[in-house]
Amino acid sequence: MDSPPDDREPPTDAAARFEDQITRWADHYFLRTKQAVRRFGDTQVTYAIFMRRPVVFAPRIALDWLAEAAQARNTDFKVEPNFTEGQWVGAGEPLMYVTGSLEHLVDLETLLLQKLGACCVAANNAYVMCATLPKVAFMAMDARHCAGTEMADQMAYACSVGSQAAREQAGAKGFIGNATKATAPHFGNTDGMGTMPHAMIGYAGSTLRAAEMYAETFPGEPMTVLADYFGAEISDALAVCDRFPDLVSNGKLAFRLDTHGGRYMEGLDPQESYAVLERHVPLAVRRYRNEKELRYLTGTGVSAAAIFLFRERLDEAGYGKARIVCSSGFDVEKCKVMADVEAPIDVVGTGSYLPSNWSETYATADIIAYDGKPRVKLGREFLLQRPAIEPS
């Protein structure tokens, strides 16, 4: 395994910056291994990369970074994905194989896995949410929950992968956009989406005045108005509809329900919540429900009862074309409950496809061959089951 003569091109400034990043962020034992390999001779290795839970394959960011690494190091890595982007992958199934120089690959492992595991879990969550509520459009509002812009880019990309898979496989509307311009291209857009936060309602002093300010600033545009700031979701929504009947009739006015979990929406309490569901979906609470499901149905915040009552009051006032946007904790489980009762939701704004159990996002890489000869640590022999690497 003698090393060949080093006739590689000298590093560029970009390559030098890349190496500096790797030196700073790679695990120290990988850097030590790299030094040993340089001393005793390089070898070709094949890594198998897998996860311990089912996921949706979302590899693009990781693969783009790996290609950048190969270019910076003036080498080639052979990548063999076992799945296409958006495909479901079972627990323990190798996502892909990566073959190349051990010297050039060994210190890339951690950073590569960081860009893969969380994306695959988030893509799976987004898929399940969209497929569960196929008639509902979603908007990604994950950026505020991310630990920096790199994570925000990864999560938006992952969301778009899961959404597209749900469109293709379940006929879902999926995610139609997101909150920030930087990640909008993942959803086929050039800009973020959204109209007004709570800060604008507080600034205006009333929900109606905030709507008027928005309409004057952005004339003719569709408008989504936050309805919960003053705890008068129904009253304030009807006042805005009375002020902008043309927007309603043209389908350009929506109301976002974001009532926090510390109170009931206007017009509701525990008894009335049950009464609302009895009118619309009488079987919903007659079946056995666990505590969390009951909270989603009849509890505080944006419950199913709140959504049904809000729709009921808009329709009674003649504003049937006003749309309802729901936010506040719409994760996979909450979406399943809303789908079960067919809550009248037009759009869900959510960042809750982000992995909630971070340990589930850990991708794992194991070398399964050295110079083409199978060799893997005890207990991981299942990774050898591939056409090019058969156990001897």
Protein backbone atom coordinates (compact mmCIF):
# COMPACT_ATOMS: atom_id res chain seq x y z
CA MET A 1 0.00 0.00 0.00
CA ASP A 2 2.85 2.39 -0.80
CA SER A 3 1.77 5.92 -1.57
CA PRO A 4 2.18 7.03 -5.21
CA PRO A 5 4.32 10.09 -6.00
CA ASP A 6 2.52 13.27 -5.00
CA ASP A 7 2.01 14.98 -8.37
CA ARG A 8 -1.19 16.77 -7.37
CA GLU A 9 -1.73 20.43 -8.12
CA PRO A 10 -0.92 22.87 -5.31
CA PRO A 11 -3.99 23.90 -3.31
CA THR A 12 -5.91 27.01 -4.30
CA ASP A 13 -7.06 29.58 -1.77
CA ALA A 14 -10.50 27.91 -1.79
CA ALA A 15 -8.92 24.51 -1.18
CA ALA A 16 -6.83 25.93 1.66
CA ARG A 17 -9.94 27.40 3.27
CA PHE A 18 -11.69 24.07 2.90
CA GLU A 19 -8.83 22.22 4.59
CA ASP A 20 -8.82 24.73 7.41
CA GLN A 21 -12.52 24.07 8.01
CA ILE A 22 -11.97 20.32 8.04
CA THR A 23 -9.05 20.62 10.46
CA ARG A 24 -11.16 22.70 12.82
CA TRP A 25 -14.34 20.63 12.71
CA ALA A 26 -13.31 17.00 12.03
CA ASP A 27 -13.10 14.59 14.98
CA HIS A 28 -9.55 14.44 16.28
CA TYR A 29 -9.27 10.66 15.94
CA PHE A 30 -10.00 10.96 12.24
CA LEU A 31 -7.21 13.52 11.88
CA ARG A 32 -4.85 11.15 13.70
CA THR A 33 -5.89 8.31 11.41
CA LYS A 34 -5.17 10.52 8.40
CA GLN A 35 -1.63 11.10 9.67
CA ALA A 36 -1.07 7.37 10.17
CA VAL A 37 -2.36 6.57 6.67
CA ARG A 38 0.03 9.14 5.19
CA ARG A 39 2.90 7.46 7.00
CA PHE A 40 2.07 3.83 6.22
CA GLY A 41 0.42 4.14 2.82
CA ASP A 42 -2.97 4.99 1.43
CA THR A 43 -5.68 2.50 0.42
CA GLN A 44 -9.00 2.57 -1.39
CA VAL A 45 -11.97 2.13 0.91
CA THR A 46 -15.72 1.84 0.54
CA TYR A 47 -18.00 3.38 3.15
CA ALA A 48 -21.60 2.27 3.68
CA ILE A 49 -23.82 5.00 5.12
CA PHE A 50 -27.07 4.09 6.87
CA MET A 51 -29.57 5.16 9.52
CA ARG A 52 -31.28 3.26 12.31
CA ARG A 53 -34.83 4.44 11.54
CA PRO A 54 -36.95 4.69 8.40
CA VAL A 55 -36.39 7.92 6.46
CA VAL A 56 -36.95 9.62 3.14
CA PHE A 57 -33.71 9.91 1.16
CA ALA A 58 -32.58 13.56 0.96
CA PRO A 59 -28.90 13.47 -0.07
CA ARG A 60 -28.36 16.48 -2.32
CA ILE A 61 -26.72 18.84 0.19
CA ALA A 62 -24.42 16.08 1.44
CA LEU A 63 -23.48 14.99 -2.08
CA ASP A 64 -22.82 18.55 -3.25
CA TRP A 65 -20.51 19.04 -0.28
CA LEU A 66 -18.71 15.76 -1.00
CA ALA A 67 -18.16 16.85 -4.60
CA GLU A 68 -16.74 20.13 -3.31
CA ALA A 69 -14.40 18.18 -1.05
CA ALA A 70 -13.17 16.03 -3.94
CA GLN A 71 -12.47 19.13 -6.01
CA ALA A 72 -10.64 20.85 -3.18
CA ARG A 73 -8.48 17.75 -2.67
CA ASN A 74 -7.91 17.12 -6.38
CA THR A 75 -9.26 13.59 -6.11
CA ASP A 76 -12.32 11.56 -7.08
CA PHE A 77 -14.94 9.87 -4.95
CA LYS A 78 -17.24 7.24 -6.40
CA VAL A 79 -20.75 7.62 -4.98
CA GLU A 80 -23.32 4.84 -5.39
CA PRO A 81 -26.74 5.86 -4.05
CA ASN A 82 -29.06 2.94 -3.40
CA PHE A 83 -32.13 5.15 -3.67
CA THR A 84 -33.29 8.18 -5.58
CA GLU A 85 -34.09 11.46 -3.86
CA GLY A 86 -37.50 11.24 -2.19
CA GLN A 87 -37.57 7.45 -1.87
CA TRP A 88 -38.48 5.78 1.41
CA VAL A 89 -35.60 3.88 3.05
CA GLY A 90 -35.99 1.25 5.75
CA ALA A 91 -34.07 1.23 9.02
CA GLY A 92 -30.55 -0.11 8.58
CA GLU A 93 -30.63 -0.14 4.80
CA PRO A 94 -27.49 1.43 3.31
CA LEU A 95 -28.41 4.80 1.85
CA MET A 96 -25.33 4.91 -0.34
CA TYR A 97 -21.75 3.74 -0.74
CA VAL A 98 -18.78 6.09 -1.09
CA THR A 99 -15.46 4.81 -2.45
CA GLY A 100 -12.17 6.66 -2.56
CA SER A 101 -8.83 7.32 -0.91
CA LEU A 102 -8.85 6.64 2.83
CA GLU A 103 -6.51 9.58 3.34
CA HIS A 104 -9.01 11.91 1.66
CA LEU A 105 -12.20 10.41 3.08
CA VAL A 106 -11.42 9.58 6.68
CA ASP A 107 -11.63 13.12 8.07
CA LEU A 108 -14.79 13.97 6.09
CA GLU A 109 -17.03 11.43 7.82
CA THR A 110 -18.52 13.55 10.59
CA LEU A 111 -19.22 16.60 8.45
CA LEU A 112 -20.77 14.47 5.71
CA LEU A 113 -23.09 12.72 8.17
CA GLN A 114 -24.15 16.07 9.65
CA LYS A 115 -25.50 17.06 6.24
CA LEU A 116 -27.42 13.85 5.66
CA GLY A 117 -29.13 12.38 8.71
CA ALA A 118 -31.27 15.30 9.86
CA CYS A 119 -32.30 16.04 6.27
CA CYS A 120 -33.58 12.49 5.78
CA VAL A 121 -35.63 12.54 8.99
CA ALA A 122 -37.10 16.00 8.28
CA ALA A 123 -37.97 14.89 4.74
CA ASN A 124 -39.79 11.87 6.16
CA ASN A 125 -41.76 14.05 8.59
CA ALA A 126 -42.71 16.51 5.85
CA TYR A 127 -43.83 13.64 3.63
CA VAL A 128 -46.07 12.15 6.33
CA MET A 129 -47.65 15.52 7.13
CA CYS A 130 -48.41 16.31 3.49
CA ALA A 131 -49.67 12.82 2.71
CA THR A 132 -51.86 12.86 5.83
CA LEU A 133 -53.52 16.14 4.80
CA PRO A 134 -53.36 15.88 1.00
CA LYS A 135 -55.97 18.59 0.36
CA VAL A 136 -54.23 21.13 2.58
CA ALA A 137 -51.45 23.40 1.36
CA PHE A 138 -48.45 23.83 3.67
CA MET A 139 -46.02 26.68 4.21
CA ALA A 140 -42.61 26.09 5.78
CA MET A 141 -41.98 28.26 8.82
CA ASP A 142 -39.00 26.37 10.20
CA ALA A 143 -36.27 29.03 10.05
CA ARG A 144 -36.99 30.42 13.52
CA HIS A 145 -36.51 26.96 15.01
CA CYS A 146 -33.16 26.28 13.35
CA ALA A 147 -29.73 26.58 14.95
CA GLY A 148 -28.30 28.93 12.33
CA THR A 149 -28.57 29.47 8.60
CA GLU A 150 -26.83 26.24 7.58
CA MET A 151 -29.43 24.20 9.41
CA ALA A 152 -32.20 26.39 7.98
CA ASP A 153 -31.00 25.60 4.46
CA GLN A 154 -30.84 21.87 5.22
CA MET A 155 -34.31 21.78 6.74
CA ALA A 156 -35.92 23.75 3.91
CA TYR A 157 -34.30 21.44 1.37
CA ALA A 158 -35.45 18.37 3.30
CA CYS A 159 -38.98 19.73 3.55
CA SER A 160 -39.11 20.27 -0.20
CA VAL A 161 -37.99 16.68 -0.82
CA GLY A 162 -40.67 15.22 1.45
CA SER A 163 -43.27 17.53 -0.03
CA GLN A 164 -42.44 16.56 -3.61
CA ALA A 165 -42.55 12.88 -2.71
CA ALA A 166 -46.02 13.36 -1.19
CA ARG A 167 -47.18 15.14 -4.35
CA GLU A 168 -45.97 12.32 -6.56
CA GLN A 169 -47.00 9.40 -4.37
CA ALA A 170 -50.13 10.67 -2.58
CA GLY A 171 -51.44 13.44 -4.83
CA ALA A 172 -50.90 15.95 -2.02
CA LYS A 173 -50.76 19.72 -2.43
CA GLY A 174 -47.67 19.76 -0.23
CA PHE A 175 -45.57 22.76 0.69
CA ILE A 176 -46.27 25.70 -1.61
CA GLY A 177 -43.58 27.96 -0.17
CA ASN A 178 -41.63 29.06 2.86
CA ALA A 179 -40.86 32.08 5.00
CA THR A 180 -37.42 33.19 3.77
CA LYS A 181 -35.99 34.30 0.44
CA ALA A 182 -32.72 32.43 0.94
CA THR A 183 -34.40 29.02 0.90
CA ALA A 184 -37.32 29.84 -1.39
CA PRO A 185 -35.64 28.23 -4.43
CA HIS A 186 -36.00 24.82 -2.75
CA PHE A 187 -39.75 25.27 -3.27
CA GLY A 188 -39.48 26.63 -6.81
CA ASN A 189 -39.99 30.23 -5.68
CA THR A 190 -37.86 33.36 -5.83
CA ASP A 191 -39.06 34.91 -2.58
CA GLY A 192 -40.43 34.00 0.81
CA MET A 193 -44.12 34.02 1.68
CA GLY A 194 -46.05 35.65 4.53
CA THR A 195 -47.87 38.87 5.32
CA MET A 196 -47.88 40.06 8.95
CA PRO A 197 -46.51 38.91 12.31
CA HIS A 198 -47.91 39.66 15.75
CA ALA A 199 -45.52 42.61 15.94
CA MET A 200 -47.45 44.41 13.20
CA ILE A 201 -50.76 43.86 14.97
CA GLY A 202 -49.31 45.31 18.16
CA TYR A 203 -47.84 48.24 16.23
CA ALA A 204 -51.14 49.03 14.56
CA GLY A 205 -53.08 48.82 17.82
CA SER A 206 -55.91 46.73 16.38
CA THR A 207 -56.27 43.78 14.03
CA LEU A 208 -58.43 45.82 11.66
CA ARG A 209 -55.96 48.69 11.50
CA ALA A 210 -53.10 46.29 10.79
CA ALA A 211 -55.09 44.88 7.87
CA GLU A 212 -55.74 48.40 6.59
CA MET A 213 -52.05 49.29 6.84
CA TYR A 214 -51.09 46.16 4.95
CA ALA A 215 -53.65 46.78 2.22
CA GLU A 216 -52.42 50.35 1.79
CA THR A 217 -48.78 49.28 1.67
CA PHE A 218 -49.33 46.33 -0.68
CA PRO A 219 -52.46 47.23 -2.65
CA GLY A 220 -54.19 44.42 -4.50
CA GLU A 221 -52.14 41.65 -2.93
CA PRO A 222 -53.67 38.67 -1.14
CA MET A 223 -53.63 39.14 2.61
CA THR A 224 -53.42 36.77 5.57
CA VAL A 225 -54.36 38.43 8.85
CA LEU A 226 -53.36 37.15 12.28
CA ALA A 227 -56.53 36.87 14.30
CA ASP A 228 -55.44 35.93 17.82
CA TYR A 229 -53.50 38.96 19.13
CA PHE A 230 -56.33 40.46 21.19
CA GLY A 231 -58.05 37.15 21.98
CA ALA A 232 -60.97 38.09 19.71
CA GLU A 233 -60.33 35.77 16.78
CA ILE A 234 -63.90 35.67 15.51
CA SER A 235 -64.87 39.28 16.20
CA ASP A 236 -61.71 40.69 14.66
CA ALA A 237 -61.91 38.41 11.64
CA LEU A 238 -65.47 39.43 10.91
CA ALA A 239 -64.53 43.11 11.25
CA VAL A 240 -61.77 42.65 8.68
CA CYS A 241 -64.15 40.80 6.34
CA ASP A 242 -66.68 43.65 6.68
CA ARG A 243 -63.93 46.12 5.75
CA PHE A 244 -62.59 44.13 2.79
CA PRO A 245 -65.54 42.25 1.23
CA ASP A 246 -63.96 42.37 -2.23
CA LEU A 247 -60.87 40.55 -1.00
CA VAL A 248 -63.11 37.90 0.50
CA SER A 249 -65.18 37.43 -2.64
CA ASN A 250 -62.01 37.17 -4.74
CA GLY A 251 -60.52 34.56 -2.43
CA LYS A 252 -57.68 36.88 -1.42
CA LEU A 253 -58.35 37.15 2.30
CA ALA A 254 -57.21 34.54 4.83
CA PHE A 255 -56.99 34.44 8.59
CA ARG A 256 -54.21 32.75 10.49
CA LEU A 257 -55.16 31.03 13.73
CA ASP A 258 -52.18 30.96 16.06
CA THR A 259 -53.91 30.93 19.45
CA HIS A 260 -51.36 29.84 22.04
CA GLY A 261 -51.88 26.88 24.33
CA GLY A 262 -52.53 29.01 27.38
CA ARG A 263 -56.11 29.90 26.45
CA TYR A 264 -59.14 28.91 24.40
CA MET A 265 -60.08 30.70 21.21
CA GLU A 266 -62.81 33.30 21.53
CA GLY A 267 -66.17 31.63 22.11
CA LEU A 268 -64.77 28.36 23.42
CA ASP A 269 -64.34 26.61 26.73
CA PRO A 270 -64.17 22.86 27.43
CA GLN A 271 -67.93 22.36 27.29
CA GLU A 272 -68.42 24.43 24.13
CA SER A 273 -65.48 22.67 22.44
CA TYR A 274 -67.25 19.35 22.84
CA ALA A 275 -70.49 20.91 21.60
CA VAL A 276 -68.80 22.20 18.43
CA LEU A 277 -67.39 18.79 17.61
CA GLU A 278 -70.75 17.19 18.35
CA ARG A 279 -72.27 19.41 15.65
CA HIS A 280 -69.65 18.69 13.02
CA VAL A 281 -67.94 15.37 13.78
CA PRO A 282 -69.95 13.62 16.50
CA LEU A 283 -67.86 10.46 16.45
CA ALA A 284 -64.61 12.34 17.02
CA VAL A 285 -64.60 12.23 20.80
CA ARG A 286 -66.75 9.15 21.28
CA ARG A 287 -63.94 6.85 20.27
CA TYR A 288 -61.13 6.28 22.73
CA ARG A 289 -58.58 9.09 22.62
CA ASN A 290 -55.34 9.55 24.49
CA GLU A 291 -54.69 12.77 26.34
CA LYS A 292 -52.70 14.41 23.55
CA GLU A 293 -55.32 13.64 20.90
CA LEU A 294 -58.08 15.03 23.11
CA ARG A 295 -56.07 18.20 23.58
CA TYR A 296 -55.73 18.59 19.81
CA LEU A 297 -59.48 18.09 19.47
CA THR A 298 -60.98 20.07 22.36
CA GLY A 299 -58.14 21.74 24.25
CA THR A 300 -56.68 25.20 24.32
CA GLY A 301 -54.85 26.74 21.40
CA VAL A 302 -55.57 25.87 17.78
CA SER A 303 -57.77 22.84 18.38
CA ALA A 304 -60.06 21.09 15.93
CA ALA A 305 -63.00 22.65 17.78
CA ALA A 306 -61.49 26.11 17.30
CA ILE A 307 -61.08 25.57 13.57
CA PHE A 308 -64.63 24.25 13.12
CA LEU A 309 -66.10 27.14 15.13
CA PHE A 310 -64.10 29.73 13.23
CA ARG A 311 -65.24 28.29 9.90
CA GLU A 312 -68.80 28.12 11.17
CA ARG A 313 -68.88 31.80 12.16
CA LEU A 314 -67.32 32.98 8.89
CA ASP A 315 -69.82 30.97 6.86
CA GLU A 316 -72.78 32.22 8.90
CA ALA A 317 -71.73 35.80 8.19
CA GLY A 318 -71.57 35.13 4.45
CA TYR A 319 -67.78 34.93 4.22
CA GLY A 320 -67.44 31.38 3.00
CA LYS A 321 -64.58 32.29 0.66
CA ALA A 322 -62.36 33.57 3.48
CA ARG A 323 -59.64 30.98 4.01
CA ILE A 324 -58.21 29.57 7.23
CA VAL A 325 -54.48 29.24 7.85
CA CYS A 326 -53.51 27.26 10.95
CA SER A 327 -50.23 27.30 12.83
CA SER A 328 -49.01 26.44 16.33
CA GLY A 329 -47.52 22.99 16.81
CA PHE A 330 -48.72 21.25 13.65
CA ASP A 331 -46.41 18.27 13.78
CA VAL A 332 -47.00 14.79 12.37
CA GLU A 333 -49.30 13.73 15.23
CA LYS A 334 -51.41 16.88 15.18
CA CYS A 335 -51.81 16.64 11.42
CA LYS A 336 -53.05 13.06 11.77
CA VAL A 337 -55.72 14.13 14.28
CA MET A 338 -56.86 16.99 12.04
CA ALA A 339 -57.03 14.63 9.08
CA ASP A 340 -59.07 12.14 11.10
CA VAL A 341 -61.83 14.71 11.74
CA GLU A 342 -61.40 16.49 8.39
CA ALA A 343 -60.88 19.87 10.05
CA PRO A 344 -61.66 22.69 7.57
CA ILE A 345 -58.08 23.91 7.08
CA ASP A 346 -56.90 25.57 3.89
CA VAL A 347 -53.23 26.08 4.76
CA VAL A 348 -50.95 24.89 7.55
CA GLY A 349 -47.94 27.01 8.47
CA THR A 350 -45.41 24.89 10.30
CA GLY A 351 -41.82 24.20 11.12
CA SER A 352 -42.71 21.15 13.15
CA TYR A 353 -41.38 18.69 10.59
CA LEU A 354 -38.00 19.38 12.19
CA PRO A 355 -36.85 16.25 14.03
CA SER A 356 -38.10 16.29 17.62
CA ASN A 357 -35.89 13.42 18.79
CA TRP A 358 -32.46 14.48 17.61
CA SER A 359 -30.85 11.13 18.35
CA GLU A 360 -32.94 9.66 15.52
CA THR A 361 -31.09 11.87 13.03
CA TYR A 362 -27.71 10.25 13.58
CA ALA A 363 -26.44 8.78 10.32
CA THR A 364 -23.67 6.19 10.59
CA ALA A 365 -20.79 5.39 8.26
CA ASP A 366 -18.76 2.17 8.32
CA ILE A 367 -15.96 1.11 6.03
CA ILE A 368 -16.96 -2.22 4.48
CA ALA A 369 -14.03 -2.81 2.10
CA TYR A 370 -10.31 -2.04 1.93
CA ASP A 371 -8.78 -2.21 -1.54
CA GLY A 372 -11.92 -4.04 -2.66
CA LYS A 373 -11.69 -6.75 0.01
CA PRO A 374 -14.69 -7.05 2.38
CA ARG A 375 -13.93 -6.11 5.98
CA VAL A 376 -16.36 -4.63 8.46
CA LYS A 377 -16.65 -4.53 12.24
CA LEU A 378 -18.48 -7.37 13.94
CA GLY A 379 -22.23 -6.87 13.92
CA ARG A 380 -22.33 -4.80 10.75
CA GLU A 381 -22.02 -7.67 8.28
CA PHE A 382 -25.44 -6.80 6.89
CA LEU A 383 -23.78 -3.85 5.16
CA LEU A 384 -21.80 -6.23 2.95
CA GLN A 385 -24.90 -7.37 1.09
CA ARG A 386 -24.33 -5.44 -2.12
CA PRO A 387 -23.48 -6.59 -5.66
CA ALA A 388 -19.91 -5.29 -5.69
CA ILE A 389 -18.95 -6.50 -2.20
CA GLU A 390 -19.89 -10.07 -1.43
CA PRO A 391 -18.60 -11.75 1.72
CA SER A 392 -16.02 -14.41 1.04
